[in-house]
Amino acid sequence: MAEEHSGLEERIIIKDQHTKEIDLVNRDPKHINEDVVKVDFEDVIAEPVGTYSFDGVWKSSYTTFTVSKYWCYRLLSAVLGIPLAVVWGFLFALISFCHIWAVVPCIKSYLIEIQCVSRIYSLCIHTFCDPLFEALSKICTNIRVAVRKEI
């Protein structure tokens, strides 16, 4: 009975990882589209002082813009939202797959291989260049430079 209970808990935990409660009020909690798509009537259409249209035209334009933007967005999201969610889900799954199964192993392999090359390179530098530069430094230690300003 205890085994059945733990198996049930495990299935519930696995289900909870794939289904998540979403916030229907705040649909952009990380503020991804903060500056991008906040377009209101005043951001697009404005009449400068002295060139006003009739008040009724202005109010109707505002209502038409707002309502058409609202319903076009809702219609487009209803028609294309789910197919695009599938496409984006597939794309990000593909990116995750490539990153997990190709990119990270390649980087780890490269780091392991370059460590070997790094040790050989370091050994060669210390063997050949260090004595050469040490000898050059001993040769140049007695060189004195004096700067004089002649008038």
N, C-alpha and C. Protein backbone atom coordinates (compact mmCIF):
# COMPACT_ATOMS: atom_id res chain seq x y z
N MET A 1 0.82 -1.19 0.00
CA MET A 1 0.00 0.00 0.00
C MET A 1 0.87 1.26 0.00
N ALA A 2 1.95 1.22 0.74
CA ALA A 2 2.85 2.37 0.78
C ALA A 2 3.50 2.60 -0.57
N GLU A 3 3.81 1.48 -1.27
CA GLU A 3 4.41 1.61 -2.60
C GLU A 3 3.43 2.25 -3.58
N GLU A 4 2.16 1.87 -3.50
CA GLU A 4 1.15 2.45 -4.38
C GLU A 4 0.99 3.94 -4.09
N HIS A 5 1.04 4.30 -2.82
CA HIS A 5 0.89 5.70 -2.44
C HIS A 5 2.06 6.54 -2.96
N SER A 6 3.29 6.04 -2.83
CA SER A 6 4.46 6.79 -3.31
C SER A 6 4.45 6.87 -4.84
N GLY A 7 3.98 5.81 -5.51
CA GLY A 7 3.87 5.85 -6.97
C GLY A 7 2.86 6.88 -7.43
N LEU A 8 1.74 7.00 -6.68
CA LEU A 8 0.72 7.99 -6.99
C LEU A 8 1.27 9.39 -6.79
N GLU A 9 2.01 9.61 -5.70
CA GLU A 9 2.63 10.91 -5.46
C GLU A 9 3.62 11.26 -6.56
N GLU A 10 4.38 10.26 -7.01
CA GLU A 10 5.36 10.48 -8.07
C GLU A 10 4.65 10.89 -9.36
N ARG A 11 3.54 10.24 -9.70
CA ARG A 11 2.78 10.59 -10.90
C ARG A 11 2.19 12.00 -10.78
N ILE A 12 1.75 12.37 -9.59
CA ILE A 12 1.20 13.71 -9.37
C ILE A 12 2.30 14.75 -9.54
N ILE A 13 3.47 14.49 -8.99
CA ILE A 13 4.59 15.42 -9.10
C ILE A 13 5.00 15.57 -10.56
N ILE A 14 5.07 14.48 -11.30
CA ILE A 14 5.44 14.55 -12.71
C ILE A 14 4.39 15.35 -13.49
N LYS A 15 3.13 15.14 -13.20
CA LYS A 15 2.07 15.88 -13.88
C LYS A 15 2.19 17.36 -13.56
N ASP A 16 2.50 17.71 -12.33
CA ASP A 16 2.60 19.11 -11.93
C ASP A 16 3.76 19.81 -12.63
N GLN A 17 4.79 19.09 -13.04
CA GLN A 17 5.90 19.71 -13.73
C GLN A 17 5.50 20.17 -15.12
N HIS A 18 4.54 19.50 -15.74
CA HIS A 18 4.15 19.84 -17.10
C HIS A 18 2.91 20.73 -17.16
N THR A 19 2.12 20.73 -16.13
CA THR A 19 0.96 21.61 -16.08
C THR A 19 1.21 22.63 -14.99
N LYS A 20 1.04 23.88 -15.36
CA LYS A 20 1.36 24.95 -14.42
C LYS A 20 0.19 25.91 -14.40
N GLU A 21 -0.14 26.40 -13.22
CA GLU A 21 -1.19 27.41 -13.12
C GLU A 21 -0.68 28.70 -13.75
N ILE A 22 -1.50 29.29 -14.63
CA ILE A 22 -1.09 30.54 -15.24
C ILE A 22 -1.96 31.67 -14.73
N ASP A 23 -1.38 32.84 -14.71
CA ASP A 23 -2.07 34.03 -14.23
C ASP A 23 -2.84 34.65 -15.39
N LEU A 24 -4.16 34.65 -15.32
CA LEU A 24 -4.97 35.20 -16.39
C LEU A 24 -5.12 36.72 -16.30
N VAL A 25 -4.69 37.31 -15.20
CA VAL A 25 -4.78 38.76 -15.05
C VAL A 25 -3.49 39.41 -15.54
N ASN A 26 -2.36 39.00 -14.98
CA ASN A 26 -1.06 39.54 -15.40
C ASN A 26 -0.43 38.55 -16.37
N ARG A 27 -0.60 38.78 -17.65
CA ARG A 27 -0.13 37.83 -18.66
C ARG A 27 1.28 38.13 -19.14
N ASP A 28 1.91 39.14 -18.60
CA ASP A 28 3.30 39.45 -18.92
C ASP A 28 4.06 39.72 -17.62
N PRO A 29 4.20 38.69 -16.75
CA PRO A 29 4.79 38.92 -15.43
C PRO A 29 6.26 39.33 -15.48
N LYS A 30 6.97 38.97 -16.55
CA LYS A 30 8.39 39.32 -16.65
C LYS A 30 8.61 40.56 -17.51
N HIS A 31 7.53 41.21 -17.90
CA HIS A 31 7.57 42.47 -18.66
C HIS A 31 8.37 42.35 -19.95
N ILE A 32 8.14 41.27 -20.69
CA ILE A 32 8.84 41.04 -21.95
C ILE A 32 8.42 42.06 -23.00
N ASN A 33 7.13 42.39 -23.05
CA ASN A 33 6.62 43.30 -24.07
C ASN A 33 6.29 44.67 -23.50
N GLU A 34 7.07 45.11 -22.55
CA GLU A 34 6.80 46.37 -21.86
C GLU A 34 6.81 47.56 -22.82
N ASP A 35 7.83 47.67 -23.65
CA ASP A 35 7.97 48.83 -24.52
C ASP A 35 7.58 48.55 -25.96
N VAL A 36 7.43 47.30 -26.31
CA VAL A 36 7.29 46.94 -27.71
C VAL A 36 5.88 47.17 -28.24
N VAL A 37 4.88 46.62 -27.61
CA VAL A 37 3.55 46.61 -28.20
C VAL A 37 2.52 47.45 -27.45
N LYS A 38 2.95 48.33 -26.62
CA LYS A 38 2.01 49.22 -25.94
C LYS A 38 1.71 50.38 -26.88
N VAL A 39 0.77 50.17 -27.79
CA VAL A 39 0.41 51.19 -28.76
C VAL A 39 -1.05 51.56 -28.55
N ASP A 40 -1.26 52.79 -28.14
CA ASP A 40 -2.60 53.31 -27.97
C ASP A 40 -2.89 54.32 -29.08
N PHE A 41 -4.12 54.76 -29.15
CA PHE A 41 -4.56 55.71 -30.16
C PHE A 41 -3.69 56.96 -30.16
N GLU A 42 -3.39 57.46 -28.97
CA GLU A 42 -2.60 58.69 -28.84
C GLU A 42 -1.16 58.51 -29.30
N ASP A 43 -0.67 57.26 -29.31
CA ASP A 43 0.70 57.00 -29.78
C ASP A 43 0.80 57.00 -31.29
N VAL A 44 -0.33 56.83 -31.97
CA VAL A 44 -0.33 56.70 -33.43
C VAL A 44 -0.92 57.92 -34.11
N ILE A 45 -2.04 58.40 -33.60
CA ILE A 45 -2.76 59.49 -34.25
C ILE A 45 -2.85 60.67 -33.28
N ALA A 46 -2.45 61.82 -33.75
CA ALA A 46 -2.51 63.04 -32.93
C ALA A 46 -2.74 64.23 -33.85
N GLU A 47 -3.56 65.14 -33.41
CA GLU A 47 -3.82 66.36 -34.17
C GLU A 47 -3.18 67.53 -33.45
N PRO A 48 -2.31 68.24 -34.14
CA PRO A 48 -1.69 69.41 -33.50
C PRO A 48 -2.69 70.54 -33.35
N VAL A 49 -2.36 71.49 -32.51
CA VAL A 49 -3.23 72.64 -32.25
C VAL A 49 -3.47 73.37 -33.57
N GLY A 50 -4.72 73.69 -33.81
CA GLY A 50 -5.07 74.45 -35.01
C GLY A 50 -5.55 73.58 -36.16
N THR A 51 -5.37 72.28 -36.09
CA THR A 51 -5.83 71.37 -37.16
C THR A 51 -6.67 70.27 -36.55
N TYR A 52 -7.76 70.66 -35.91
CA TYR A 52 -8.65 69.69 -35.28
C TYR A 52 -9.75 69.28 -36.25
N SER A 53 -10.09 68.00 -36.19
CA SER A 53 -11.25 67.52 -36.94
C SER A 53 -12.49 67.70 -36.07
N PHE A 54 -13.65 67.34 -36.59
CA PHE A 54 -14.86 67.43 -35.79
C PHE A 54 -14.75 66.51 -34.58
N ASP A 55 -15.33 66.91 -33.48
CA ASP A 55 -15.27 66.12 -32.25
C ASP A 55 -15.86 64.74 -32.45
N GLY A 56 -16.93 64.64 -33.19
CA GLY A 56 -17.55 63.34 -33.44
C GLY A 56 -16.64 62.42 -34.25
N VAL A 57 -15.92 63.01 -35.23
CA VAL A 57 -14.97 62.22 -36.03
C VAL A 57 -13.83 61.74 -35.14
N TRP A 58 -13.35 62.61 -34.27
CA TRP A 58 -12.24 62.26 -33.37
C TRP A 58 -12.64 61.13 -32.42
N LYS A 59 -13.82 61.25 -31.82
CA LYS A 59 -14.31 60.21 -30.91
C LYS A 59 -14.57 58.91 -31.65
N SER A 60 -15.15 58.99 -32.83
CA SER A 60 -15.41 57.77 -33.62
C SER A 60 -14.11 57.12 -34.06
N SER A 61 -13.13 57.93 -34.44
CA SER A 61 -11.82 57.39 -34.83
C SER A 61 -11.17 56.66 -33.66
N TYR A 62 -11.25 57.28 -32.49
CA TYR A 62 -10.69 56.65 -31.29
C TYR A 62 -11.36 55.31 -31.02
N THR A 63 -12.69 55.30 -31.05
CA THR A 63 -13.43 54.06 -30.78
C THR A 63 -13.13 53.01 -31.84
N THR A 64 -13.11 53.41 -33.12
CA THR A 64 -12.83 52.47 -34.21
C THR A 64 -11.44 51.88 -34.08
N PHE A 65 -10.45 52.73 -33.81
CA PHE A 65 -9.08 52.25 -33.64
C PHE A 65 -8.98 51.26 -32.49
N THR A 66 -9.50 51.63 -31.35
CA THR A 66 -9.38 50.79 -30.15
C THR A 66 -10.11 49.46 -30.31
N VAL A 67 -11.34 49.52 -30.79
CA VAL A 67 -12.13 48.29 -30.93
C VAL A 67 -11.55 47.39 -32.02
N SER A 68 -11.15 47.97 -33.16
CA SER A 68 -10.59 47.13 -34.24
C SER A 68 -9.26 46.51 -33.83
N LYS A 69 -8.44 47.26 -33.12
CA LYS A 69 -7.18 46.69 -32.63
C LYS A 69 -7.45 45.54 -31.66
N TYR A 70 -8.39 45.73 -30.78
CA TYR A 70 -8.74 44.72 -29.79
C TYR A 70 -9.26 43.45 -30.47
N TRP A 71 -10.23 43.60 -31.37
CA TRP A 71 -10.84 42.42 -31.98
C TRP A 71 -9.94 41.77 -33.02
N CYS A 72 -9.14 42.54 -33.74
CA CYS A 72 -8.19 41.93 -34.68
C CYS A 72 -7.16 41.10 -33.93
N TYR A 73 -6.68 41.64 -32.82
CA TYR A 73 -5.72 40.87 -32.02
C TYR A 73 -6.36 39.59 -31.51
N ARG A 74 -7.56 39.69 -30.98
CA ARG A 74 -8.24 38.50 -30.45
C ARG A 74 -8.50 37.47 -31.56
N LEU A 75 -8.91 37.93 -32.73
CA LEU A 75 -9.17 37.02 -33.85
C LEU A 75 -7.89 36.35 -34.32
N LEU A 76 -6.83 37.15 -34.48
CA LEU A 76 -5.54 36.59 -34.90
C LEU A 76 -5.00 35.61 -33.87
N SER A 77 -5.11 35.95 -32.59
CA SER A 77 -4.61 35.04 -31.57
C SER A 77 -5.46 33.78 -31.50
N ALA A 78 -6.75 33.88 -31.77
CA ALA A 78 -7.61 32.69 -31.77
C ALA A 78 -7.27 31.77 -32.94
N VAL A 79 -6.98 32.36 -34.10
CA VAL A 79 -6.70 31.56 -35.30
C VAL A 79 -5.26 31.07 -35.32
N LEU A 80 -4.33 31.94 -34.99
CA LEU A 80 -2.91 31.59 -35.14
C LEU A 80 -2.18 31.30 -33.83
N GLY A 81 -2.81 31.57 -32.69
CA GLY A 81 -2.12 31.41 -31.40
C GLY A 81 -1.67 29.99 -31.14
N ILE A 82 -2.56 29.03 -31.29
CA ILE A 82 -2.21 27.63 -31.00
C ILE A 82 -1.21 27.08 -32.01
N PRO A 83 -1.40 27.29 -33.35
CA PRO A 83 -0.37 26.80 -34.28
C PRO A 83 1.00 27.42 -34.04
N LEU A 84 1.03 28.72 -33.73
CA LEU A 84 2.32 29.35 -33.46
C LEU A 84 2.92 28.86 -32.14
N ALA A 85 2.06 28.56 -31.16
CA ALA A 85 2.56 27.99 -29.90
C ALA A 85 3.22 26.64 -30.16
N VAL A 86 2.63 25.85 -31.07
CA VAL A 86 3.24 24.56 -31.44
C VAL A 86 4.58 24.79 -32.12
N VAL A 87 4.62 25.76 -33.06
CA VAL A 87 5.88 26.04 -33.76
C VAL A 87 6.95 26.51 -32.79
N TRP A 88 6.58 27.46 -31.90
CA TRP A 88 7.57 27.97 -30.94
C TRP A 88 7.98 26.89 -29.94
N GLY A 89 7.03 26.07 -29.51
CA GLY A 89 7.38 24.97 -28.61
C GLY A 89 8.35 24.02 -29.28
N PHE A 90 8.10 23.68 -30.56
CA PHE A 90 8.99 22.80 -31.29
C PHE A 90 10.37 23.44 -31.45
N LEU A 91 10.40 24.73 -31.79
CA LEU A 91 11.68 25.42 -31.98
C LEU A 91 12.50 25.44 -30.70
N PHE A 92 11.86 25.79 -29.57
CA PHE A 92 12.61 25.84 -28.32
C PHE A 92 12.99 24.45 -27.83
N ALA A 93 12.17 23.45 -28.14
CA ALA A 93 12.56 22.07 -27.83
C ALA A 93 13.77 21.67 -28.66
N LEU A 94 13.80 22.07 -29.93
CA LEU A 94 14.93 21.78 -30.80
C LEU A 94 16.20 22.48 -30.30
N ILE A 95 16.05 23.74 -29.91
CA ILE A 95 17.21 24.47 -29.38
C ILE A 95 17.71 23.81 -28.09
N SER A 96 16.79 23.43 -27.21
CA SER A 96 17.19 22.76 -25.96
C SER A 96 17.88 21.44 -26.26
N PHE A 97 17.31 20.68 -27.19
CA PHE A 97 17.90 19.39 -27.57
C PHE A 97 19.32 19.58 -28.10
N CYS A 98 19.49 20.53 -29.02
CA CYS A 98 20.82 20.78 -29.58
C CYS A 98 21.80 21.24 -28.51
N HIS A 99 21.32 22.09 -27.62
CA HIS A 99 22.21 22.59 -26.57
C HIS A 99 22.63 21.46 -25.63
N ILE A 100 21.65 20.62 -25.23
CA ILE A 100 21.94 19.55 -24.27
C ILE A 100 22.77 18.44 -24.90
N TRP A 101 22.44 18.04 -26.14
CA TRP A 101 23.06 16.87 -26.73
C TRP A 101 24.20 17.17 -27.69
N ALA A 102 24.40 18.44 -28.07
CA ALA A 102 25.48 18.74 -29.01
C ALA A 102 26.42 19.84 -28.50
N VAL A 103 25.87 20.98 -28.13
CA VAL A 103 26.71 22.14 -27.79
C VAL A 103 27.53 21.89 -26.53
N VAL A 104 26.86 21.55 -25.44
CA VAL A 104 27.58 21.36 -24.17
C VAL A 104 28.60 20.21 -24.26
N PRO A 105 28.24 19.05 -24.84
CA PRO A 105 29.28 18.01 -24.97
C PRO A 105 30.46 18.44 -25.84
N CYS A 106 30.20 19.22 -26.90
CA CYS A 106 31.30 19.70 -27.74
C CYS A 106 32.21 20.64 -26.95
N ILE A 107 31.60 21.53 -26.18
CA ILE A 107 32.39 22.46 -25.38
C ILE A 107 33.22 21.71 -24.34
N LYS A 108 32.58 20.74 -23.65
CA LYS A 108 33.32 19.95 -22.65
C LYS A 108 34.47 19.19 -23.30
N SER A 109 34.21 18.58 -24.46
CA SER A 109 35.25 17.85 -25.18
C SER A 109 36.38 18.78 -25.58
N TYR A 110 36.04 19.96 -26.08
CA TYR A 110 37.04 20.94 -26.47
C TYR A 110 37.89 21.35 -25.28
N LEU A 111 37.24 21.61 -24.14
CA LEU A 111 37.99 22.02 -22.95
C LEU A 111 38.94 20.93 -22.47
N ILE A 112 38.51 19.68 -22.57
CA ILE A 112 39.39 18.57 -22.18
C ILE A 112 40.58 18.48 -23.12
N GLU A 113 40.32 18.58 -24.42
CA GLU A 113 41.40 18.48 -25.41
C GLU A 113 42.34 19.68 -25.34
N ILE A 114 41.79 20.88 -25.15
CA ILE A 114 42.62 22.07 -25.12
C ILE A 114 43.49 22.10 -23.86
N GLN A 115 43.04 21.43 -22.80
CA GLN A 115 43.85 21.37 -21.58
C GLN A 115 45.15 20.62 -21.86
N CYS A 116 45.07 19.57 -22.65
CA CYS A 116 46.26 18.81 -23.04
C CYS A 116 47.20 19.69 -23.85
N VAL A 117 46.65 20.38 -24.85
CA VAL A 117 47.44 21.26 -25.70
C VAL A 117 48.02 22.39 -24.87
N SER A 118 47.26 22.89 -23.92
CA SER A 118 47.71 23.98 -23.07
C SER A 118 48.93 23.57 -22.25
N ARG A 119 48.91 22.38 -21.74
CA ARG A 119 50.08 21.91 -20.96
C ARG A 119 51.31 21.78 -21.83
N ILE A 120 51.15 21.26 -23.04
CA ILE A 120 52.30 21.12 -23.96
C ILE A 120 52.82 22.50 -24.36
N TYR A 121 51.90 23.43 -24.68
CA TYR A 121 52.29 24.78 -25.05
C TYR A 121 53.02 25.46 -23.90
N SER A 122 52.50 25.33 -22.70
CA SER A 122 53.13 25.94 -21.52
C SER A 122 54.53 25.36 -21.30
N LEU A 123 54.66 24.06 -21.47
CA LEU A 123 55.97 23.41 -21.31
C LEU A 123 56.96 23.94 -22.33
N CYS A 124 56.54 24.09 -23.59
CA CYS A 124 57.42 24.62 -24.63
C CYS A 124 57.83 26.05 -24.34
N ILE A 125 56.90 26.88 -23.91
CA ILE A 125 57.22 28.28 -23.59
C ILE A 125 58.23 28.34 -22.46
N HIS A 126 57.98 27.59 -21.40
CA HIS A 126 58.91 27.61 -20.26
C HIS A 126 60.26 27.03 -20.62
N THR A 127 60.30 26.08 -21.52
CA THR A 127 61.57 25.44 -21.88
C THR A 127 62.41 26.32 -22.80
N PHE A 128 61.77 26.93 -23.80
CA PHE A 128 62.55 27.65 -24.80
C PHE A 128 62.54 29.17 -24.61
N CYS A 129 61.43 29.74 -24.30
CA CYS A 129 61.34 31.20 -24.23
C CYS A 129 61.86 31.77 -22.92
N ASP A 130 61.57 31.12 -21.80
CA ASP A 130 62.02 31.65 -20.52
C ASP A 130 63.54 31.84 -20.46
N PRO A 131 64.35 30.84 -20.84
CA PRO A 131 65.80 31.07 -20.81
C PRO A 131 66.24 32.19 -21.77
N LEU A 132 65.63 32.26 -22.94
CA LEU A 132 65.98 33.30 -23.90
C LEU A 132 65.69 34.69 -23.33
N PHE A 133 64.51 34.88 -22.78
CA PHE A 133 64.15 36.18 -22.24
C PHE A 133 64.94 36.51 -20.97
N GLU A 134 65.26 35.50 -20.23
CA GLU A 134 66.09 35.74 -19.04
C GLU A 134 67.48 36.20 -19.45
N ALA A 135 68.04 35.58 -20.49
CA ALA A 135 69.36 35.99 -20.98
C ALA A 135 69.30 37.41 -21.54
N LEU A 136 68.26 37.73 -22.30
CA LEU A 136 68.11 39.09 -22.83
C LEU A 136 67.96 40.11 -21.71
N SER A 137 67.27 39.75 -20.65
CA SER A 137 67.11 40.69 -19.54
C SER A 137 68.43 40.93 -18.83
N LYS A 138 69.26 39.90 -18.73
CA LYS A 138 70.57 40.08 -18.08
C LYS A 138 71.49 40.92 -18.95
N ILE A 139 71.34 40.78 -20.27
CA ILE A 139 72.14 41.61 -21.18
C ILE A 139 71.74 43.07 -21.05
N CYS A 140 70.46 43.31 -20.94
CA CYS A 140 69.94 44.69 -20.95
C CYS A 140 69.92 45.35 -19.57
N THR A 141 70.32 44.66 -18.53
CA THR A 141 70.25 45.25 -17.19
C THR A 141 71.20 46.41 -17.01
N ASN A 142 72.32 46.43 -17.73
CA ASN A 142 73.31 47.48 -17.55
C ASN A 142 73.07 48.67 -18.49
N ILE A 143 72.06 48.62 -19.27
CA ILE A 143 71.76 49.74 -20.17
C ILE A 143 71.07 50.83 -19.34
N ARG A 144 71.63 52.03 -19.45
CA ARG A 144 71.08 53.18 -18.76
C ARG A 144 70.64 54.20 -19.81
N VAL A 145 69.50 54.74 -19.63
CA VAL A 145 68.96 55.75 -20.53
C VAL A 145 68.84 57.06 -19.77
N ALA A 146 69.38 58.08 -20.36
CA ALA A 146 69.31 59.41 -19.74
C ALA A 146 68.67 60.36 -20.76
N VAL A 147 67.74 61.12 -20.28
CA VAL A 147 67.07 62.09 -21.14
C VAL A 147 67.49 63.47 -20.69
N ARG A 148 68.00 64.24 -21.65
CA ARG A 148 68.43 65.59 -21.35
C ARG A 148 67.66 66.54 -22.22
N LYS A 149 67.33 67.64 -21.64
CA LYS A 149 66.66 68.67 -22.39
C LYS A 149 67.67 69.74 -22.71
N GLU A 150 67.93 69.87 -24.03
CA GLU A 150 68.90 70.89 -24.45
C GLU A 150 68.16 72.12 -24.94
N ILE A 151 68.71 73.23 -24.51
CA ILE A 151 68.08 74.50 -24.89
C ILE A 151 68.80 75.13 -26.05
